[in-house]
């Protein structure tokens, strides 16, 4: 299938999962992780109003810049790093084939 990309997600226990993600369904990384039953909540439904889909981008992909809403939410999140992004804001497109991310720790 040509409308499928591969994404690698390291869970909070350090286990790496290779996920196939469709590029023709307007999905985002949070939705793909949830479809594989990875522990990503997405409490706000993908509106960048929470940080329950917070990830660290490990690969060197050229992602679109974070929106102001995403930046504002990350400013309020825990365990933020320079490579932090909200999974709900990373759209599944061909250009991110091979993307590698790690799920950020949950608030404790």
PDB file of N, CA and C in Angstrom:
ATOM      1  N   UNK A   1       0.843  -1.197   0.000  1.00  0.00           N
ATOM      2  CA  UNK A   1       0.000   0.000   0.000  1.00  0.00           C
ATOM      3  C   UNK A   1       0.876   1.243   0.000  1.00  0.00           C
ATOM      4  N   UNK A   2       0.563   2.165  -0.845  1.00  0.00           N
ATOM      5  CA  UNK A   2       1.388   3.362  -0.911  1.00  0.00           C
ATOM      6  C   UNK A   2       0.909   4.484  -0.001  1.00  0.00           C
ATOM      7  N   UNK A   3      -0.266   4.352   0.590  1.00  0.00           N
ATOM      8  CA  UNK A   3      -0.791   5.376   1.482  1.00  0.00           C
ATOM      9  C   UNK A   3      -0.505   5.055   2.945  1.00  0.00           C
ATOM     10  N   UNK A   4       0.555   4.280   3.193  1.00  0.00           N
ATOM     11  CA  UNK A   4       0.928   3.873   4.552  1.00  0.00           C
ATOM     12  C   UNK A   4       2.363   4.293   4.814  1.00  0.00           C
ATOM     13  N   UNK A   5       2.584   4.902   5.986  1.00  0.00           N
ATOM     14  CA  UNK A   5       3.941   5.214   6.420  1.00  0.00           C
ATOM     15  C   UNK A   5       4.228   4.441   7.704  1.00  0.00           C
ATOM     16  N   UNK A   6       5.492   4.371   8.058  1.00  0.00           N
ATOM     17  CA  UNK A   6       5.910   3.665   9.263  1.00  0.00           C
ATOM     18  C   UNK A   6       6.383   4.675  10.304  1.00  0.00           C
ATOM     19  N   UNK A   7       5.907   4.506  11.524  1.00  0.00           N
ATOM     20  CA  UNK A   7       6.262   5.376  12.643  1.00  0.00           C
ATOM     21  C   UNK A   7       6.784   4.483  13.770  1.00  0.00           C
ATOM     22  N   UNK A   8       7.876   4.899  14.416  1.00  0.00           N
ATOM     23  CA  UNK A   8       8.380   4.155  15.562  1.00  0.00           C
ATOM     24  C   UNK A   8       8.072   4.937  16.830  1.00  0.00           C
ATOM     25  N   UNK A   9       7.456   4.257  17.789  1.00  0.00           N
ATOM     26  CA  UNK A   9       7.058   4.888  19.050  1.00  0.00           C
ATOM     27  C   UNK A   9       7.656   4.094  20.204  1.00  0.00           C
ATOM     28  N   UNK A  10       8.464   4.785  21.022  1.00  0.00           N
ATOM     29  CA  UNK A  10       8.994   4.160  22.230  1.00  0.00           C
ATOM     30  C   UNK A  10       8.047   4.478  23.372  1.00  0.00           C
ATOM     31  N   UNK A  11       7.536   3.417  24.025  1.00  0.00           N
ATOM     32  CA  UNK A  11       6.592   3.641  25.115  1.00  0.00           C
ATOM     33  C   UNK A  11       7.333   4.012  26.406  1.00  0.00           C
ATOM     34  N   UNK A  12       6.590   4.219  27.469  1.00  0.00           N
ATOM     35  CA  UNK A  12       7.183   4.694  28.728  1.00  0.00           C
ATOM     36  C   UNK A  12       8.012   3.636  29.452  1.00  0.00           C
ATOM     37  N   UNK A  13       7.932   2.391  28.979  1.00  0.00           N
ATOM     38  CA  UNK A  13       8.755   1.326  29.548  1.00  0.00           C
ATOM     39  C   UNK A  13       9.994   1.084  28.687  1.00  0.00           C
ATOM     40  N   UNK A  14      10.168   1.862  27.624  1.00  0.00           N
ATOM     41  CA  UNK A  14      11.327   1.733  26.755  1.00  0.00           C
ATOM     42  C   UNK A  14      11.161   0.748  25.612  1.00  0.00           C
ATOM     43  N   UNK A  15       9.969   0.197  25.448  1.00  0.00           N
ATOM     44  CA  UNK A  15       9.703  -0.758  24.373  1.00  0.00           C
ATOM     45  C   UNK A  15       9.366   0.018  23.100  1.00  0.00           C
ATOM     46  N   UNK A  16      10.020  -0.354  21.992  1.00  0.00           N
ATOM     47  CA  UNK A  16       9.766   0.329  20.731  1.00  0.00           C
ATOM     48  C   UNK A  16       8.702  -0.423  19.934  1.00  0.00           C
ATOM     49  N   UNK A  17       7.742   0.333  19.410  1.00  0.00           N
ATOM     50  CA  UNK A  17       6.651  -0.210  18.614  1.00  0.00           C
ATOM     51  C   UNK A  17       6.740   0.383  17.215  1.00  0.00           C
ATOM     52  N   UNK A  18       6.634  -0.459  16.204  1.00  0.00           N
ATOM     53  CA  UNK A  18       6.598   0.045  14.838  1.00  0.00           C
ATOM     54  C   UNK A  18       5.153   0.036  14.371  1.00  0.00           C
ATOM     55  N   UNK A  19       4.649   1.214  14.055  1.00  0.00           N
ATOM     56  CA  UNK A  19       3.245   1.385  13.692  1.00  0.00           C
ATOM     57  C   UNK A  19       3.120   1.730  12.217  1.00  0.00           C
ATOM     58  N   UNK A  20       2.136   1.151  11.566  1.00  0.00           N
ATOM     59  CA  UNK A  20       1.786   1.542  10.207  1.00  0.00           C
ATOM     60  C   UNK A  20       0.684   2.585  10.316  1.00  0.00           C
ATOM     61  N   UNK A  21       0.851   3.681   9.601  1.00  0.00           N
ATOM     62  CA  UNK A  21      -0.107   4.779   9.699  1.00  0.00           C
ATOM     63  C   UNK A  21      -0.584   5.193   8.308  1.00  0.00           C
ATOM     64  N   UNK A  22      -1.884   5.289   8.125  1.00  0.00           N
ATOM     65  CA  UNK A  22      -2.402   5.723   6.825  1.00  0.00           C
ATOM     66  C   UNK A  22      -2.228   7.231   6.641  1.00  0.00           C
ATOM     67  N   UNK A  23      -1.889   7.616   5.422  1.00  0.00           N
ATOM     68  CA  UNK A  23      -1.747   9.052   5.127  1.00  0.00           C
ATOM     69  C   UNK A  23      -2.975   9.605   4.419  1.00  0.00           C
ATOM     70  N   UNK A  24      -3.948   8.751   4.140  1.00  0.00           N
ATOM     71  CA  UNK A  24      -5.123   9.191   3.379  1.00  0.00           C
ATOM     72  C   UNK A  24      -6.379   9.302   4.243  1.00  0.00           C
ATOM     73  N   UNK A  25      -6.198   9.326   5.588  1.00  0.00           N
ATOM     74  CA  UNK A  25      -7.359   9.384   6.477  1.00  0.00           C
ATOM     75  C   UNK A  25      -7.343  10.605   7.399  1.00  0.00           C
ATOM     76  N   UNK A  26      -6.449  11.560   7.153  1.00  0.00           N
ATOM     77  CA  UNK A  26      -6.347  12.790   7.953  1.00  0.00           C
ATOM     78  C   UNK A  26      -6.141  12.496   9.433  1.00  0.00           C
ATOM     79  N   UNK A  27      -5.359  11.449   9.743  1.00  0.00           N
ATOM     80  CA  UNK A  27      -5.088  11.098  11.136  1.00  0.00           C
ATOM     81  C   UNK A  27      -3.866  11.850  11.649  1.00  0.00           C
ATOM     82  N   UNK A  28      -3.773  11.937  12.972  1.00  0.00           N
ATOM     83  CA  UNK A  28      -2.590  12.507  13.595  1.00  0.00           C
ATOM     84  C   UNK A  28      -1.914  11.421  14.440  1.00  0.00           C
ATOM     85  N   UNK A  29      -0.736  11.725  14.966  1.00  0.00           N
ATOM     86  CA  UNK A  29       0.033  10.740  15.716  1.00  0.00           C
ATOM     87  C   UNK A  29      -0.720  10.236  16.943  1.00  0.00           C
ATOM     88  N   UNK A  30      -1.416  11.105  17.643  1.00  0.00           N
ATOM     89  CA  UNK A  30      -2.186  10.689  18.813  1.00  0.00           C
ATOM     90  C   UNK A  30      -3.208   9.624  18.424  1.00  0.00           C
ATOM     91  N   UNK A  31      -3.937   9.846  17.348  1.00  0.00           N
ATOM     92  CA  UNK A  31      -4.962   8.902  16.912  1.00  0.00           C
ATOM     93  C   UNK A  31      -4.350   7.561  16.510  1.00  0.00           C
ATOM     94  N   UNK A  32      -3.201   7.607  15.845  1.00  0.00           N
ATOM     95  CA  UNK A  32      -2.531   6.367  15.449  1.00  0.00           C
ATOM     96  C   UNK A  32      -2.097   5.596  16.695  1.00  0.00           C
ATOM     97  N   UNK A  33      -1.503   6.286  17.658  1.00  0.00           N
ATOM     98  CA  UNK A  33      -1.083   5.622  18.908  1.00  0.00           C
ATOM     99  C   UNK A  33      -2.278   5.000  19.619  1.00  0.00           C
ATOM    100  N   UNK A  34      -3.369   5.715  19.678  1.00  0.00           N
ATOM    101  CA  UNK A  34      -4.574   5.187  20.331  1.00  0.00           C
ATOM    102  C   UNK A  34      -5.107   3.967  19.590  1.00  0.00           C
ATOM    103  N   UNK A  35      -5.028   3.966  18.275  1.00  0.00           N
ATOM    104  CA  UNK A  35      -5.524   2.826  17.502  1.00  0.00           C
ATOM    105  C   UNK A  35      -4.698   1.572  17.766  1.00  0.00           C
ATOM    106  N   UNK A  36      -3.447   1.745  18.172  1.00  0.00           N
ATOM    107  CA  UNK A  36      -2.586   0.617  18.548  1.00  0.00           C
ATOM    108  C   UNK A  36      -2.630   0.355  20.056  1.00  0.00           C
ATOM    109  N   UNK A  37      -3.532   1.034  20.741  1.00  0.00           N
ATOM    110  CA  UNK A  37      -3.736   0.885  22.182  1.00  0.00           C
ATOM    111  C   UNK A  37      -2.499   1.217  23.011  1.00  0.00           C
ATOM    112  N   UNK A  38      -1.711   2.177  22.520  1.00  0.00           N
ATOM    113  CA  UNK A  38      -0.602   2.701  23.321  1.00  0.00           C
ATOM    114  C   UNK A  38      -1.179   3.688  24.337  1.00  0.00           C
ATOM    115  N   UNK A  39      -0.501   3.887  25.467  1.00  0.00           N
ATOM    116  CA  UNK A  39      -1.065   4.713  26.546  1.00  0.00           C
ATOM    117  C   UNK A  39      -0.992   6.217  26.274  1.00  0.00           C
ATOM    118  N   UNK A  40      -1.766   6.657  25.307  1.00  0.00           N
ATOM    119  CA  UNK A  40      -1.887   8.076  24.964  1.00  0.00           C
ATOM    120  C   UNK A  40      -3.349   8.433  25.152  1.00  0.00           C
ATOM    121  N   UNK A  41      -3.624   9.381  26.031  1.00  0.00           N
ATOM    122  CA  UNK A  41      -5.022   9.688  26.341  1.00  0.00           C
ATOM    123  C   UNK A  41      -5.716  10.541  25.293  1.00  0.00           C
ATOM    124  N   UNK A  42      -5.118  11.665  24.940  1.00  0.00           N
ATOM    125  CA  UNK A  42      -5.807  12.557  24.021  1.00  0.00           C
ATOM    126  C   UNK A  42      -7.091  13.091  24.615  1.00  0.00           C
ATOM    127  N   UNK A  43      -7.016  13.513  25.861  1.00  0.00           N
ATOM    128  CA  UNK A  43      -8.184  13.945  26.619  1.00  0.00           C
ATOM    129  C   UNK A  43      -9.014  15.004  25.889  1.00  0.00           C
ATOM    130  N   UNK A  44      -8.358  15.926  25.211  1.00  0.00           N
ATOM    131  CA  UNK A  44      -9.090  17.019  24.560  1.00  0.00           C
ATOM    132  C   UNK A  44      -9.576  16.654  23.161  1.00  0.00           C
ATOM    133  N   UNK A  45      -9.277  15.452  22.711  1.00  0.00           N
ATOM    134  CA  UNK A  45      -9.734  15.022  21.393  1.00  0.00           C
ATOM    135  C   UNK A  45      -8.910  15.566  20.243  1.00  0.00           C
ATOM    136  N   UNK A  46      -7.708  16.024  20.508  1.00  0.00           N
ATOM    137  CA  UNK A  46      -6.835  16.495  19.437  1.00  0.00           C
ATOM    138  C   UNK A  46      -6.911  17.974  19.149  1.00  0.00           C
ATOM    139  N   UNK A  47      -7.362  18.761  20.110  1.00  0.00           N
ATOM    140  CA  UNK A  47      -7.535  20.199  19.906  1.00  0.00           C
ATOM    141  C   UNK A  47      -6.395  21.040  20.469  1.00  0.00           C
ATOM    142  N   UNK A  48      -5.305  20.404  20.910  1.00  0.00           N
ATOM    143  CA  UNK A  48      -4.158  21.092  21.531  1.00  0.00           C
ATOM    144  C   UNK A  48      -4.585  21.847  22.785  1.00  0.00           C
ATOM    145  N   UNK A  49      -5.524  21.266  23.536  1.00  0.00           N
ATOM    146  CA  UNK A  49      -6.009  21.894  24.764  1.00  0.00           C
ATOM    147  C   UNK A  49      -5.561  21.144  26.018  1.00  0.00           C
ATOM    148  N   UNK A  50      -4.774  20.102  25.843  1.00  0.00           N
ATOM    149  CA  UNK A  50      -4.202  19.369  26.967  1.00  0.00           C
ATOM    150  C   UNK A  50      -2.827  18.874  26.506  1.00  0.00           C
ATOM    151  N   UNK A  51      -2.126  18.208  27.330  1.00  0.00           N
ATOM    152  CA  UNK A  51      -0.819  17.688  26.916  1.00  0.00           C
ATOM    153  C   UNK A  51      -0.742  16.187  27.140  1.00  0.00           C
ATOM    154  N   UNK A  52      -1.881  15.508  27.097  1.00  0.00           N
ATOM    155  CA  UNK A  52      -1.884  14.076  27.366  1.00  0.00           C
ATOM    156  C   UNK A  52      -1.364  13.244  26.195  1.00  0.00           C
ATOM    157  N   UNK A  53      -0.992  13.886  25.083  1.00  0.00           N
ATOM    158  CA  UNK A  53      -0.380  13.195  23.953  1.00  0.00           C
ATOM    159  C   UNK A  53       1.043  13.704  23.708  1.00  0.00           C
ATOM    160  N   UNK A  54       1.658  14.240  24.748  1.00  0.00           N
ATOM    161  CA  UNK A  54       2.999  14.815  24.692  1.00  0.00           C
ATOM    162  C   UNK A  54       4.018  13.746  24.300  1.00  0.00           C
ATOM    163  N   UNK A  55       4.826  14.038  23.276  1.00  0.00           N
ATOM    164  CA  UNK A  55       5.877  13.129  22.831  1.00  0.00           C
ATOM    165  C   UNK A  55       7.178  13.900  22.646  1.00  0.00           C
ATOM    166  N   UNK A  56       8.282  13.149  22.613  1.00  0.00           N
ATOM    167  CA  UNK A  56       9.585  13.692  22.243  1.00  0.00           C
ATOM    168  C   UNK A  56       9.908  13.175  20.845  1.00  0.00           C
ATOM    169  N   UNK A  57      10.237  14.070  19.932  1.00  0.00           N
ATOM    170  CA  UNK A  57      10.605  13.679  18.575  1.00  0.00           C
ATOM    171  C   UNK A  57      12.082  13.313  18.590  1.00  0.00           C
ATOM    172  N   UNK A  58      12.390  12.058  18.251  1.00  0.00           N
ATOM    173  CA  UNK A  58      13.752  11.551  18.311  1.00  0.00           C
ATOM    174  C   UNK A  58      14.464  11.602  16.966  1.00  0.00           C
ATOM    175  N   UNK A  59      13.725  11.517  15.882  1.00  0.00           N
ATOM    176  CA  UNK A  59      14.333  11.520  14.554  1.00  0.00           C
ATOM    177  C   UNK A  59      14.480  12.951  14.050  1.00  0.00           C
ATOM    178  N   UNK A  60      15.193  13.083  12.949  1.00  0.00           N
ATOM    179  CA  UNK A  60      15.517  14.395  12.408  1.00  0.00           C
ATOM    180  C   UNK A  60      14.580  14.771  11.260  1.00  0.00           C
ATOM    181  N   UNK A  61      13.298  14.588  11.464  1.00  0.00           N
ATOM    182  CA  UNK A  61      12.321  14.944  10.429  1.00  0.00           C
ATOM    183  C   UNK A  61      12.004  16.435  10.491  1.00  0.00           C
ATOM    184  N   UNK A  62      11.726  16.999   9.348  1.00  0.00           N
ATOM    185  CA  UNK A  62      11.379  18.414   9.254  1.00  0.00           C
ATOM    186  C   UNK A  62       9.868  18.553   9.430  1.00  0.00           C
ATOM    187  N   UNK A  63       9.446  18.676  10.684  1.00  0.00           N
ATOM    188  CA  UNK A  63       8.019  18.809  10.996  1.00  0.00           C
ATOM    189  C   UNK A  63       7.583  20.265  10.859  1.00  0.00           C
ATOM    190  N   UNK A  64       6.313  20.488  10.566  1.00  0.00           N
ATOM    191  CA  UNK A  64       5.811  21.866  10.567  1.00  0.00           C
ATOM    192  C   UNK A  64       6.023  22.488  11.953  1.00  0.00           C
ATOM    193  N   UNK A  65       6.230  23.777  11.975  1.00  0.00           N
ATOM    194  CA  UNK A  65       6.428  24.453  13.261  1.00  0.00           C
ATOM    195  C   UNK A  65       5.188  24.338  14.127  1.00  0.00           C
ATOM    196  N   UNK A  66       5.412  24.308  15.419  1.00  0.00           N
ATOM    197  CA  UNK A  66       4.300  24.231  16.375  1.00  0.00           C
ATOM    198  C   UNK A  66       3.464  25.506  16.289  1.00  0.00           C
ATOM    199  N   UNK A  67       2.158  25.344  16.362  1.00  0.00           N
ATOM    200  CA  UNK A  67       1.262  26.493  16.365  1.00  0.00           C
ATOM    201  C   UNK A  67       1.380  27.215  17.716  1.00  0.00           C
ATOM    202  N   UNK A  68       0.816  28.390  17.791  1.00  0.00           N
ATOM    203  CA  UNK A  68       0.820  29.126  19.056  1.00  0.00           C
ATOM    204  C   UNK A  68       0.062  28.360  20.134  1.00  0.00           C
ATOM    205  N   UNK A  69      -1.055  27.724  19.745  1.00  0.00           N
ATOM    206  CA  UNK A  69      -1.830  26.927  20.703  1.00  0.00           C
ATOM    207  C   UNK A  69      -0.999  25.771  21.253  1.00  0.00           C
ATOM    208  N   UNK A  70      -0.256  25.104  20.365  1.00  0.00           N
ATOM    209  CA  UNK A  70       0.596  23.996  20.814  1.00  0.00           C
ATOM    210  C   UNK A  70       1.699  24.506  21.738  1.00  0.00           C
ATOM    211  N   UNK A  71       2.333  25.603  21.361  1.00  0.00           N
ATOM    212  CA  UNK A  71       3.390  26.188  22.210  1.00  0.00           C
ATOM    213  C   UNK A  71       2.834  26.563  23.578  1.00  0.00           C
ATOM    214  N   UNK A  72       1.656  27.176  23.592  1.00  0.00           N
ATOM    215  CA  UNK A  72       1.041  27.573  24.863  1.00  0.00           C
ATOM    216  C   UNK A  72       0.775  26.363  25.750  1.00  0.00           C
ATOM    217  N   UNK A  73       0.306  25.278  25.165  1.00  0.00           N
ATOM    218  CA  UNK A  73       0.022  24.074  25.948  1.00  0.00           C
ATOM    219  C   UNK A  73       1.308  23.441  26.457  1.00  0.00           C
ATOM    220  N   UNK A  74       2.341  23.397  25.626  1.00  0.00           N
ATOM    221  CA  UNK A  74       3.619  22.839  26.070  1.00  0.00           C
ATOM    222  C   UNK A  74       4.233  23.678  27.192  1.00  0.00           C
ATOM    223  N   UNK A  75       3.962  24.989  27.180  1.00  0.00           N
ATOM    224  CA  UNK A  75       4.451  25.853  28.261  1.00  0.00           C
ATOM    225  C   UNK A  75       3.867  25.446  29.608  1.00  0.00           C
ATOM    226  N   UNK A  76       2.714  24.792  29.599  1.00  0.00           N
ATOM    227  CA  UNK A  76       2.045  24.385  30.835  1.00  0.00           C
ATOM    228  C   UNK A  76       2.265  22.905  31.166  1.00  0.00           C
ATOM    229  N   UNK A  77       2.903  22.175  30.255  1.00  0.00           N
ATOM    230  CA  UNK A  77       3.080  20.731  30.438  1.00  0.00           C
ATOM    231  C   UNK A  77       4.277  20.430  31.334  1.00  0.00           C
ATOM    232  N   UNK A  78       4.311  19.207  31.831  1.00  0.00           N
ATOM    233  CA  UNK A  78       5.433  18.722  32.624  1.00  0.00           C
ATOM    234  C   UNK A  78       6.436  18.018  31.710  1.00  0.00           C
ATOM    235  N   UNK A  79       7.680  17.940  32.142  1.00  0.00           N
ATOM    236  CA  UNK A  79       8.742  17.177  31.463  1.00  0.00           C
ATOM    237  C   UNK A  79       8.982  17.648  30.032  1.00  0.00           C
ATOM    238  N   UNK A  80       8.844  18.941  29.758  1.00  0.00           N
ATOM    239  CA  UNK A  80       9.034  19.486  28.417  1.00  0.00           C
ATOM    240  C   UNK A  80      10.521  19.582  28.096  1.00  0.00           C
ATOM    241  N   UNK A  81      10.861  19.196  26.883  1.00  0.00           N
ATOM    242  CA  UNK A  81      12.226  19.284  26.359  1.00  0.00           C
ATOM    243  C   UNK A  81      12.192  20.063  25.053  1.00  0.00           C
ATOM    244  N   UNK A  82      13.360  20.335  24.509  1.00  0.00           N
ATOM    245  CA  UNK A  82      13.427  21.090  23.261  1.00  0.00           C
ATOM    246  C   UNK A  82      12.796  20.347  22.087  1.00  0.00           C
ATOM    247  N   UNK A  83      12.685  19.010  22.189  1.00  0.00           N
ATOM    248  CA  UNK A  83      12.090  18.220  21.115  1.00  0.00           C
ATOM    249  C   UNK A  83      10.653  17.788  21.433  1.00  0.00           C
ATOM    250  N   UNK A  84      10.017  18.459  22.381  1.00  0.00           N
ATOM    251  CA  UNK A  84       8.635  18.143  22.753  1.00  0.00           C
ATOM    252  C   UNK A  84       7.649  18.615  21.699  1.00  0.00           C
ATOM    253  N   UNK A  85       6.657  17.771  21.441  1.00  0.00           N
ATOM    254  CA  UNK A  85       5.537  18.129  20.569  1.00  0.00           C
ATOM    255  C   UNK A  85       4.281  17.456  21.108  1.00  0.00           C
ATOM    256  N   UNK A  86       3.141  17.931  20.676  1.00  0.00           N
ATOM    257  CA  UNK A  86       1.877  17.271  20.978  1.00  0.00           C
ATOM    258  C   UNK A  86       1.557  16.340  19.812  1.00  0.00           C
ATOM    259  N   UNK A  87       1.321  15.076  20.127  1.00  0.00           N
ATOM    260  CA  UNK A  87       1.052  14.098  19.085  1.00  0.00           C
ATOM    261  C   UNK A  87      -0.150  14.446  18.232  1.00  0.00           C
ATOM    262  N   UNK A  88      -1.122  15.123  18.824  1.00  0.00           N
ATOM    263  CA  UNK A  88      -2.326  15.485  18.075  1.00  0.00           C
ATOM    264  C   UNK A  88      -2.047  16.513  16.988  1.00  0.00           C
ATOM    265  N   UNK A  89      -0.899  17.154  17.047  1.00  0.00           N
ATOM    266  CA  UNK A  89      -0.565  18.183  16.073  1.00  0.00           C
ATOM    267  C   UNK A  89       0.380  17.682  14.984  1.00  0.00           C
ATOM    268  N   UNK A  90       0.753  16.403  15.033  1.00  0.00           N
ATOM    269  CA  UNK A  90       1.627  15.818  14.021  1.00  0.00           C
ATOM    270  C   UNK A  90       0.754  14.999  13.072  1.00  0.00           C
ATOM    271  N   UNK A  91       0.522  15.538  11.901  1.00  0.00           N
ATOM    272  CA  UNK A  91      -0.343  14.906  10.907  1.00  0.00           C
ATOM    273  C   UNK A  91       0.414  13.808  10.162  1.00  0.00           C
ATOM    274  N   UNK A  92      -0.301  12.746   9.826  1.00  0.00           N
ATOM    275  CA  UNK A  92       0.292  11.630   9.099  1.00  0.00           C
ATOM    276  C   UNK A  92       0.373  11.976   7.616  1.00  0.00           C
ATOM    277  N   UNK A  93       1.582  12.302   7.172  1.00  0.00           N
ATOM    278  CA  UNK A  93       1.858  12.655   5.779  1.00  0.00           C
ATOM    279  C   UNK A  93       3.104  11.900   5.335  1.00  0.00           C
ATOM    280  N   UNK A  94       3.264  11.730   4.031  1.00  0.00           N
ATOM    281  CA  UNK A  94       4.388  10.971   3.486  1.00  0.00           C
ATOM    282  C   UNK A  94       5.741  11.479   3.977  1.00  0.00           C
ATOM    283  N   UNK A  95       5.873  12.776   4.170  1.00  0.00           N
ATOM    284  CA  UNK A  95       7.163  13.378   4.543  1.00  0.00           C
ATOM    285  C   UNK A  95       7.687  12.913   5.899  1.00  0.00           C
ATOM    286  N   UNK A  96       6.830  12.340   6.742  1.00  0.00           N
ATOM    287  CA  UNK A  96       7.305  11.903   8.054  1.00  0.00           C
ATOM    288  C   UNK A  96       7.469  10.390   8.143  1.00  0.00           C
ATOM    289  N   UNK A  97       7.499   9.708   7.000  1.00  0.00           N
ATOM    290  CA  UNK A  97       7.745   8.270   7.004  1.00  0.00           C
ATOM    291  C   UNK A  97       9.037   7.994   7.765  1.00  0.00           C
ATOM    292  N   UNK A  98       8.997   7.070   8.708  1.00  0.00           N
ATOM    293  CA  UNK A  98      10.168   6.742   9.512  1.00  0.00           C
ATOM    294  C   UNK A  98      10.316   7.584  10.775  1.00  0.00           C
ATOM    295  N   UNK A  99       9.353   8.444  11.056  1.00  0.00           N
ATOM    296  CA  UNK A  99       9.401   9.286  12.259  1.00  0.00           C
ATOM    297  C   UNK A  99       9.591   8.425  13.504  1.00  0.00           C
ATOM    298  N   UNK A 100      10.440   8.879  14.419  1.00  0.00           N
ATOM    299  CA  UNK A 100      10.647   8.184  15.687  1.00  0.00           C
ATOM    300  C   UNK A 100      10.336   9.139  16.832  1.00  0.00           C
ATOM    301  N   UNK A 101       9.471   8.680  17.737  1.00  0.00           N
ATOM    302  CA  UNK A 101       9.084   9.481  18.896  1.00  0.00           C
ATOM    303  C   UNK A 101       9.117   8.624  20.153  1.00  0.00           C
ATOM    304  N   UNK A 102       9.124   9.301  21.277  1.00  0.00           N
ATOM    305  CA  UNK A 102       9.039   8.641  22.584  1.00  0.00           C
ATOM    306  C   UNK A 102       7.911   9.285  23.367  1.00  0.00           C
ATOM    307  N   UNK A 103       7.082   8.481  24.002  1.00  0.00           N
ATOM    308  CA  UNK A 103       6.009   9.032  24.827  1.00  0.00           C
ATOM    309  C   UNK A 103       6.605   9.703  26.053  1.00  0.00           C
ATOM    310  N   UNK A 104       6.195  10.926  26.318  1.00  0.00           N
ATOM    311  CA  UNK A 104       6.685  11.661  27.488  1.00  0.00           C
ATOM    312  C   UNK A 104       6.086  11.042  28.739  1.00  0.00           C
ATOM    313  N   UNK A 105       6.775  11.183  29.877  1.00  0.00           N
ATOM    314  CA  UNK A 105       6.206  10.671  31.142  1.00  0.00           C
ATOM    315  C   UNK A 105       4.887  11.354  31.452  1.00  0.00           C
ATOM    316  N   UNK A 106       4.041  10.642  32.187  1.00  0.00           N
ATOM    317  CA  UNK A 106       2.783  11.239  32.600  1.00  0.00           C
ATOM    318  C   UNK A 106       3.006  12.065  33.861  1.00  0.00           C
ATOM    319  N   UNK A 107       2.115  12.990  34.119  1.00  0.00           N
ATOM    320  CA  UNK A 107       2.213  13.831  35.322  1.00  0.00           C
ATOM    321  C   UNK A 107       2.120  12.949  36.561  1.00  0.00           C
ATOM    322  N   UNK A 108       2.956  13.241  37.529  1.00  0.00           N
ATOM    323  CA  UNK A 108       2.959  12.415  38.746  1.00  0.00           C
ATOM    324  C   UNK A 108       2.673  13.265  39.959  1.00  0.00           C
TER     325      UNK A 108
END
